[in-house]
PDB file of N, CA and C in Angstrom:
ATOM      1  N   MET A   1      10.652   9.916  -2.738  1.00  0.00           N
ATOM      2  CA  MET A   1       9.552  10.364  -3.629  1.00  0.00           C
ATOM      3  C   MET A   1       8.188   9.830  -3.191  1.00  0.00           C
ATOM      4  N   SER A   2       7.182  10.732  -3.324  1.00  0.00           N
ATOM      5  CA  SER A   2       5.858  10.170  -2.825  1.00  0.00           C
ATOM      6  C   SER A   2       5.320   9.211  -3.854  1.00  0.00           C
ATOM      7  N   PHE A   3       4.254   8.523  -3.392  1.00  0.00           N
ATOM      8  CA  PHE A   3       3.568   7.585  -4.206  1.00  0.00           C
ATOM      9  C   PHE A   3       2.905   8.343  -5.396  1.00  0.00           C
ATOM     10  N   THR A   4       2.276   9.352  -5.267  1.00  0.00           N
ATOM     11  CA  THR A   4       1.579  10.047  -6.376  1.00  0.00           C
ATOM     12  C   THR A   4       2.609  10.522  -7.383  1.00  0.00           C
ATOM     13  N   LYS A   5       3.689  11.007  -6.866  1.00  0.00           N
ATOM     14  CA  LYS A   5       4.824  11.608  -7.764  1.00  0.00           C
ATOM     15  C   LYS A   5       5.326  10.302  -8.656  1.00  0.00           C
ATOM     16  N   GLU A   6       5.641   9.238  -7.985  1.00  0.00           N
ATOM     17  CA  GLU A   6       6.056   8.165  -8.633  1.00  0.00           C
ATOM     18  C   GLU A   6       5.035   7.530  -9.666  1.00  0.00           C
ATOM     19  N   LEU A   7       3.740   7.539  -9.321  1.00  0.00           N
ATOM     20  CA  LEU A   7       2.827   7.047 -10.200  1.00  0.00           C
ATOM     21  C   LEU A   7       2.452   7.997 -11.418  1.00  0.00           C
ATOM     22  N   GLU A   8       2.654   9.218 -11.124  1.00  0.00           N
ATOM     23  CA  GLU A   8       2.484  10.196 -12.172  1.00  0.00           C
ATOM     24  C   GLU A   8       3.690  10.046 -13.287  1.00  0.00           C
ATOM     25  N   ARG A   9       4.786   9.906 -12.644  1.00  0.00           N
ATOM     26  CA  ARG A   9       6.084   9.664 -13.414  1.00  0.00           C
ATOM     27  C   ARG A   9       5.897   8.348 -14.425  1.00  0.00           C
ATOM     28  N   THR A  10       5.299   7.375 -13.887  1.00  0.00           N
ATOM     29  CA  THR A  10       5.296   6.034 -14.567  1.00  0.00           C
ATOM     30  C   THR A  10       3.855   5.723 -15.095  1.00  0.00           C
ATOM     31  N   LYS A  11       3.023   6.761 -15.227  1.00  0.00           N
ATOM     32  CA  LYS A  11       1.643   6.606 -15.702  1.00  0.00           C
ATOM     33  C   LYS A  11       1.702   5.931 -17.046  1.00  0.00           C
ATOM     34  N   GLY A  12       0.693   4.911 -17.149  1.00  0.00           N
ATOM     35  CA  GLY A  12       0.639   4.198 -18.384  1.00  0.00           C
ATOM     36  C   GLY A  12       1.785   3.178 -18.598  1.00  0.00           C
ATOM     37  N   ALA A  13       2.397   2.789 -17.595  1.00  0.00           N
ATOM     38  CA  ALA A  13       3.290   1.690 -17.784  1.00  0.00           C
ATOM     39  C   ALA A  13       2.762   0.367 -17.964  1.00  0.00           C
ATOM     40  N   LYS A  14       3.557  -0.496 -18.652  1.00  0.00           N
ATOM     41  CA  LYS A  14       2.903  -1.881 -19.090  1.00  0.00           C
ATOM     42  C   LYS A  14       3.950  -2.891 -18.802  1.00  0.00           C
ATOM     43  N   ASP A  15       3.537  -4.170 -18.514  1.00  0.00           N
ATOM     44  CA  ASP A  15       4.438  -5.132 -18.167  1.00  0.00           C
ATOM     45  C   ASP A  15       5.079  -5.664 -19.449  1.00  0.00           C
ATOM     46  N   SER A  16       5.849  -6.602 -19.410  1.00  0.00           N
ATOM     47  CA  SER A  16       6.587  -7.198 -20.426  1.00  0.00           C
ATOM     48  C   SER A  16       5.595  -7.874 -21.567  1.00  0.00           C
ATOM     49  N   ASN A  17       4.497  -8.092 -21.064  1.00  0.00           N
ATOM     50  CA  ASN A  17       3.391  -8.777 -22.111  1.00  0.00           C
ATOM     51  C   ASN A  17       2.575  -7.662 -22.688  1.00  0.00           C
ATOM     52  N   GLY A  18       2.876  -6.291 -22.282  1.00  0.00           N
ATOM     53  CA  GLY A  18       2.027  -5.211 -22.844  1.00  0.00           C
ATOM     54  C   GLY A  18       0.783  -4.993 -22.117  1.00  0.00           C
ATOM     55  N   ILE A  19       0.610  -5.539 -20.809  1.00  0.00           N
ATOM     56  CA  ILE A  19      -0.689  -5.327 -20.174  1.00  0.00           C
ATOM     57  C   ILE A  19      -0.421  -4.203 -18.984  1.00  0.00           C
ATOM     58  N   ALA A  20      -1.388  -3.279 -19.244  1.00  0.00           N
ATOM     59  CA  ALA A  20      -1.244  -1.995 -18.346  1.00  0.00           C
ATOM     60  C   ALA A  20      -1.643  -2.412 -16.865  1.00  0.00           C
ATOM     61  N   ARG A  21      -1.028  -1.910 -15.920  1.00  0.00           N
ATOM     62  CA  ARG A  21      -1.321  -2.142 -14.516  1.00  0.00           C
ATOM     63  C   ARG A  21      -2.550  -1.653 -14.133  1.00  0.00           C
ATOM     64  N   LEU A  22      -3.144  -2.246 -13.115  1.00  0.00           N
ATOM     65  CA  LEU A  22      -4.478  -1.818 -12.525  1.00  0.00           C
ATOM     66  C   LEU A  22      -4.331  -1.841 -11.156  1.00  0.00           C
ATOM     67  N   TRP A  23      -5.127  -1.226 -10.240  1.00  0.00           N
ATOM     68  CA  TRP A  23      -4.933  -0.949  -8.877  1.00  0.00           C
ATOM     69  C   TRP A  23      -6.222  -1.232  -8.112  1.00  0.00           C
ATOM     70  N   ILE A  24      -6.118  -1.750  -6.869  1.00  0.00           N
ATOM     71  CA  ILE A  24      -7.204  -1.985  -5.977  1.00  0.00           C
ATOM     72  C   ILE A  24      -6.969  -1.191  -4.622  1.00  0.00           C
ATOM     73  N   ILE A  25      -7.916  -0.618  -4.107  1.00  0.00           N
ATOM     74  CA  ILE A  25      -7.769   0.257  -2.922  1.00  0.00           C
ATOM     75  C   ILE A  25      -8.638  -0.609  -1.788  1.00  0.00           C
ATOM     76  N   TYR A  26      -7.937  -0.791  -0.683  1.00  0.00           N
ATOM     77  CA  TYR A  26      -8.481  -1.222   0.536  1.00  0.00           C
ATOM     78  C   TYR A  26      -8.733  -0.171   1.506  1.00  0.00           C
ATOM     79  N   TYR A  27      -9.914  -0.166   2.016  1.00  0.00           N
ATOM     80  CA  TYR A  27     -10.283   0.849   3.149  1.00  0.00           C
ATOM     81  C   TYR A  27     -10.313   0.206   4.448  1.00  0.00           C
ATOM     82  N   ASN A  28     -10.194   1.043   5.455  1.00  0.00           N
ATOM     83  CA  ASN A  28     -10.423   0.595   6.900  1.00  0.00           C
ATOM     84  C   ASN A  28     -11.955   0.818   7.195  1.00  0.00           C
ATOM     85  N   THR A  29     -12.286   0.641   8.462  1.00  0.00           N
ATOM     86  CA  THR A  29     -13.664   0.781   8.777  1.00  0.00           C
ATOM     87  C   THR A  29     -14.224   2.323   8.836  1.00  0.00           C
ATOM     88  N   LYS A  30     -13.344   3.160   8.766  1.00  0.00           N
ATOM     89  CA  LYS A  30     -13.639   4.645   8.666  1.00  0.00           C
ATOM     90  C   LYS A  30     -13.577   5.144   7.298  1.00  0.00           C
ATOM     91  N   ASP A  31     -13.492   4.315   6.260  1.00  0.00           N
ATOM     92  CA  ASP A  31     -13.513   4.654   4.961  1.00  0.00           C
ATOM     93  C   ASP A  31     -12.283   5.388   4.552  1.00  0.00           C
ATOM     94  N   GLU A  32     -11.150   5.182   5.277  1.00  0.00           N
ATOM     95  CA  GLU A  32      -9.906   5.768   4.919  1.00  0.00           C
ATOM     96  C   GLU A  32      -8.995   4.734   4.247  1.00  0.00           C
ATOM     97  N   ILE A  33      -8.214   5.294   3.295  1.00  0.00           N
ATOM     98  CA  ILE A  33      -7.446   4.217   2.577  1.00  0.00           C
ATOM     99  C   ILE A  33      -6.414   3.599   3.438  1.00  0.00           C
ATOM    100  N   ARG A  34      -6.439   2.218   3.491  1.00  0.00           N
ATOM    101  CA  ARG A  34      -5.563   1.504   4.194  1.00  0.00           C
ATOM    102  C   ARG A  34      -4.426   1.014   3.398  1.00  0.00           C
ATOM    103  N   GLU A  35      -4.719   0.728   2.147  1.00  0.00           N
ATOM    104  CA  GLU A  35      -3.723  -0.009   1.349  1.00  0.00           C
ATOM    105  C   GLU A  35      -4.019   0.034  -0.126  1.00  0.00           C
ATOM    106  N   ILE A  36      -3.108   0.119  -1.022  1.00  0.00           N
ATOM    107  CA  ILE A  36      -3.160   0.408  -2.405  1.00  0.00           C
ATOM    108  C   ILE A  36      -2.453  -0.781  -3.049  1.00  0.00           C
ATOM    109  N   LYS A  37      -2.997  -1.741  -3.791  1.00  0.00           N
ATOM    110  CA  LYS A  37      -2.330  -2.756  -4.252  1.00  0.00           C
ATOM    111  C   LYS A  37      -2.298  -2.781  -5.810  1.00  0.00           C
ATOM    112  N   SER A  38      -1.288  -3.119  -6.427  1.00  0.00           N
ATOM    113  CA  SER A  38      -1.156  -3.318  -7.884  1.00  0.00           C
ATOM    114  C   SER A  38      -1.623  -4.798  -8.204  1.00  0.00           C
ATOM    115  N   LEU A  39      -2.475  -4.948  -9.228  1.00  0.00           N
ATOM    116  CA  LEU A  39      -2.802  -6.412  -9.490  1.00  0.00           C
ATOM    117  C   LEU A  39      -1.761  -6.963 -10.285  1.00  0.00           C
ATOM    118  N   TYR A  40      -1.365  -8.079 -10.089  1.00  0.00           N
ATOM    119  CA  TYR A  40      -0.188  -8.976 -10.735  1.00  0.00           C
ATOM    120  C   TYR A  40      -0.694  -9.331 -12.165  1.00  0.00           C
ATOM    121  N   ASN A  41      -1.909  -9.853 -12.287  1.00  0.00           N
ATOM    122  CA  ASN A  41      -2.539 -10.211 -13.655  1.00  0.00           C
ATOM    123  C   ASN A  41      -3.943  -9.705 -13.776  1.00  0.00           C
ATOM    124  N   PRO A  42      -3.905  -8.448 -14.121  1.00  0.00           N
ATOM    125  CA  PRO A  42      -5.298  -7.746 -14.030  1.00  0.00           C
ATOM    126  C   PRO A  42      -6.402  -8.350 -15.099  1.00  0.00           C
ATOM    127  N   LYS A  43      -5.990  -8.831 -15.945  1.00  0.00           N
ATOM    128  CA  LYS A  43      -6.903  -9.555 -16.977  1.00  0.00           C
ATOM    129  C   LYS A  43      -7.722 -10.702 -16.321  1.00  0.00           C
ATOM    130  N   GLU A  44      -7.142 -11.331 -15.357  1.00  0.00           N
ATOM    131  CA  GLU A  44      -7.794 -12.378 -14.705  1.00  0.00           C
ATOM    132  C   GLU A  44      -8.379 -12.151 -13.424  1.00  0.00           C
ATOM    133  N   TYR A  45      -8.407 -10.895 -12.975  1.00  0.00           N
ATOM    134  CA  TYR A  45      -9.063 -10.548 -11.731  1.00  0.00           C
ATOM    135  C   TYR A  45     -10.552 -10.774 -11.768  1.00  0.00           C
ATOM    136  N   SER A  46     -11.052 -11.415 -10.821  1.00  0.00           N
ATOM    137  CA  SER A  46     -12.532 -11.509 -10.767  1.00  0.00           C
ATOM    138  C   SER A  46     -13.170 -11.201  -9.467  1.00  0.00           C
ATOM    139  N   GLY A  47     -12.453 -10.368  -8.751  1.00  0.00           N
ATOM    140  CA  GLY A  47     -12.986  -9.959  -7.394  1.00  0.00           C
ATOM    141  C   GLY A  47     -14.046  -8.947  -7.500  1.00  0.00           C
ATOM    142  N   ALA A  48     -14.537  -8.560  -6.153  1.00  0.00           N
ATOM    143  CA  ALA A  48     -15.553  -7.634  -6.242  1.00  0.00           C
ATOM    144  C   ALA A  48     -15.195  -6.101  -6.156  1.00  0.00           C
ATOM    145  N   ARG A  49     -13.923  -5.993  -5.773  1.00  0.00           N
ATOM    146  CA  ARG A  49     -13.467  -4.591  -5.475  1.00  0.00           C
ATOM    147  C   ARG A  49     -13.393  -3.820  -6.778  1.00  0.00           C
ATOM    148  N   VAL A  50     -13.449  -2.485  -6.647  1.00  0.00           N
ATOM    149  CA  VAL A  50     -13.270  -1.646  -7.895  1.00  0.00           C
ATOM    150  C   VAL A  50     -11.884  -1.527  -8.389  1.00  0.00           C
ATOM    151  N   VAL A  51     -11.558  -1.787  -9.586  1.00  0.00           N
ATOM    152  CA  VAL A  51     -10.457  -1.688 -10.255  1.00  0.00           C
ATOM    153  C   VAL A  51     -10.059  -0.409 -10.827  1.00  0.00           C
ATOM    154  N   TYR A  52      -8.913   0.285 -10.668  1.00  0.00           N
ATOM    155  CA  TYR A  52      -8.559   1.571 -11.079  1.00  0.00           C
ATOM    156  C   TYR A  52      -7.329   1.583 -11.963  1.00  0.00           C
ATOM    157  N   THR A  53      -7.425   2.336 -13.061  1.00  0.00           N
ATOM    158  CA  THR A  53      -6.355   2.638 -13.954  1.00  0.00           C
ATOM    159  C   THR A  53      -5.375   3.523 -13.141  1.00  0.00           C
ATOM    160  N   ASP A  54      -4.207   3.817 -13.804  1.00  0.00           N
ATOM    161  CA  ASP A  54      -3.241   4.813 -13.225  1.00  0.00           C
ATOM    162  C   ASP A  54      -4.002   6.227 -13.068  1.00  0.00           C
ATOM    163  N   LYS A  55      -4.608   6.470 -14.177  1.00  0.00           N
ATOM    164  CA  LYS A  55      -5.203   7.969 -14.196  1.00  0.00           C
ATOM    165  C   LYS A  55      -6.355   8.003 -13.237  1.00  0.00           C
ATOM    166  N   GLU A  56      -7.184   7.027 -13.131  1.00  0.00           N
ATOM    167  CA  GLU A  56      -8.299   7.010 -12.140  1.00  0.00           C
ATOM    168  C   GLU A  56      -7.742   7.116 -10.709  1.00  0.00           C
ATOM    169  N   LEU A  57      -6.709   6.307 -10.428  1.00  0.00           N
ATOM    170  CA  LEU A  57      -6.083   6.310  -9.174  1.00  0.00           C
ATOM    171  C   LEU A  57      -5.538   7.604  -8.735  1.00  0.00           C
ATOM    172  N   LEU A  58      -4.694   8.328  -9.778  1.00  0.00           N
ATOM    173  CA  LEU A  58      -4.227   9.608  -9.397  1.00  0.00           C
ATOM    174  C   LEU A  58      -5.308  10.590  -9.189  1.00  0.00           C
ATOM    175  N   ASN A  59      -6.410  10.578  -9.802  1.00  0.00           N
ATOM    176  CA  ASN A  59      -7.485  11.441  -9.641  1.00  0.00           C
ATOM    177  C   ASN A  59      -8.143  11.282  -8.229  1.00  0.00           C
ATOM    178  N   LYS A  60      -8.221   9.930  -7.867  1.00  0.00           N
ATOM    179  CA  LYS A  60      -8.807   9.649  -6.495  1.00  0.00           C
ATOM    180  C   LYS A  60      -7.951  10.251  -5.392  1.00  0.00           C
ATOM    181  N   LEU A  61      -6.693  10.019  -5.548  1.00  0.00           N
ATOM    182  CA  LEU A  61      -5.694  10.393  -4.582  1.00  0.00           C
ATOM    183  C   LEU A  61      -5.617  11.890  -4.377  1.00  0.00           C
ATOM    184  N   LYS A  62      -5.599  12.583  -5.662  1.00  0.00           N
ATOM    185  CA  LYS A  62      -5.589  14.184  -5.577  1.00  0.00           C
ATOM    186  C   LYS A  62      -6.856  14.726  -5.095  1.00  0.00           C
ATOM    187  N   ASN A  63      -7.888  14.027  -5.054  1.00  0.00           N
ATOM    188  CA  ASN A  63      -9.248  14.646  -4.600  1.00  0.00           C
ATOM    189  C   ASN A  63      -9.434  14.204  -3.030  1.00  0.00           C
ATOM    190  N   LEU A  64      -8.440  13.660  -2.331  1.00  0.00           N
ATOM    191  CA  LEU A  64      -8.706  13.375  -0.914  1.00  0.00           C
ATOM    192  C   LEU A  64      -8.665  14.568  -0.111  1.00  0.00           C
TER     193      LEU A  64
END
């Protein structure tokens, strides 16, 4: 099963504490997606990268 199909199927999933997952996208030097990571504890993330919800990530991947 592809990543987008799995993400669509589990859209809105929350962990055992009721926290919705969030995603970070890493790009290579050519602005191509290199890696997508799920944040372990999204409420404590203080990095500089843009954080995406399931819906935002799906929209971004569908518009490639």
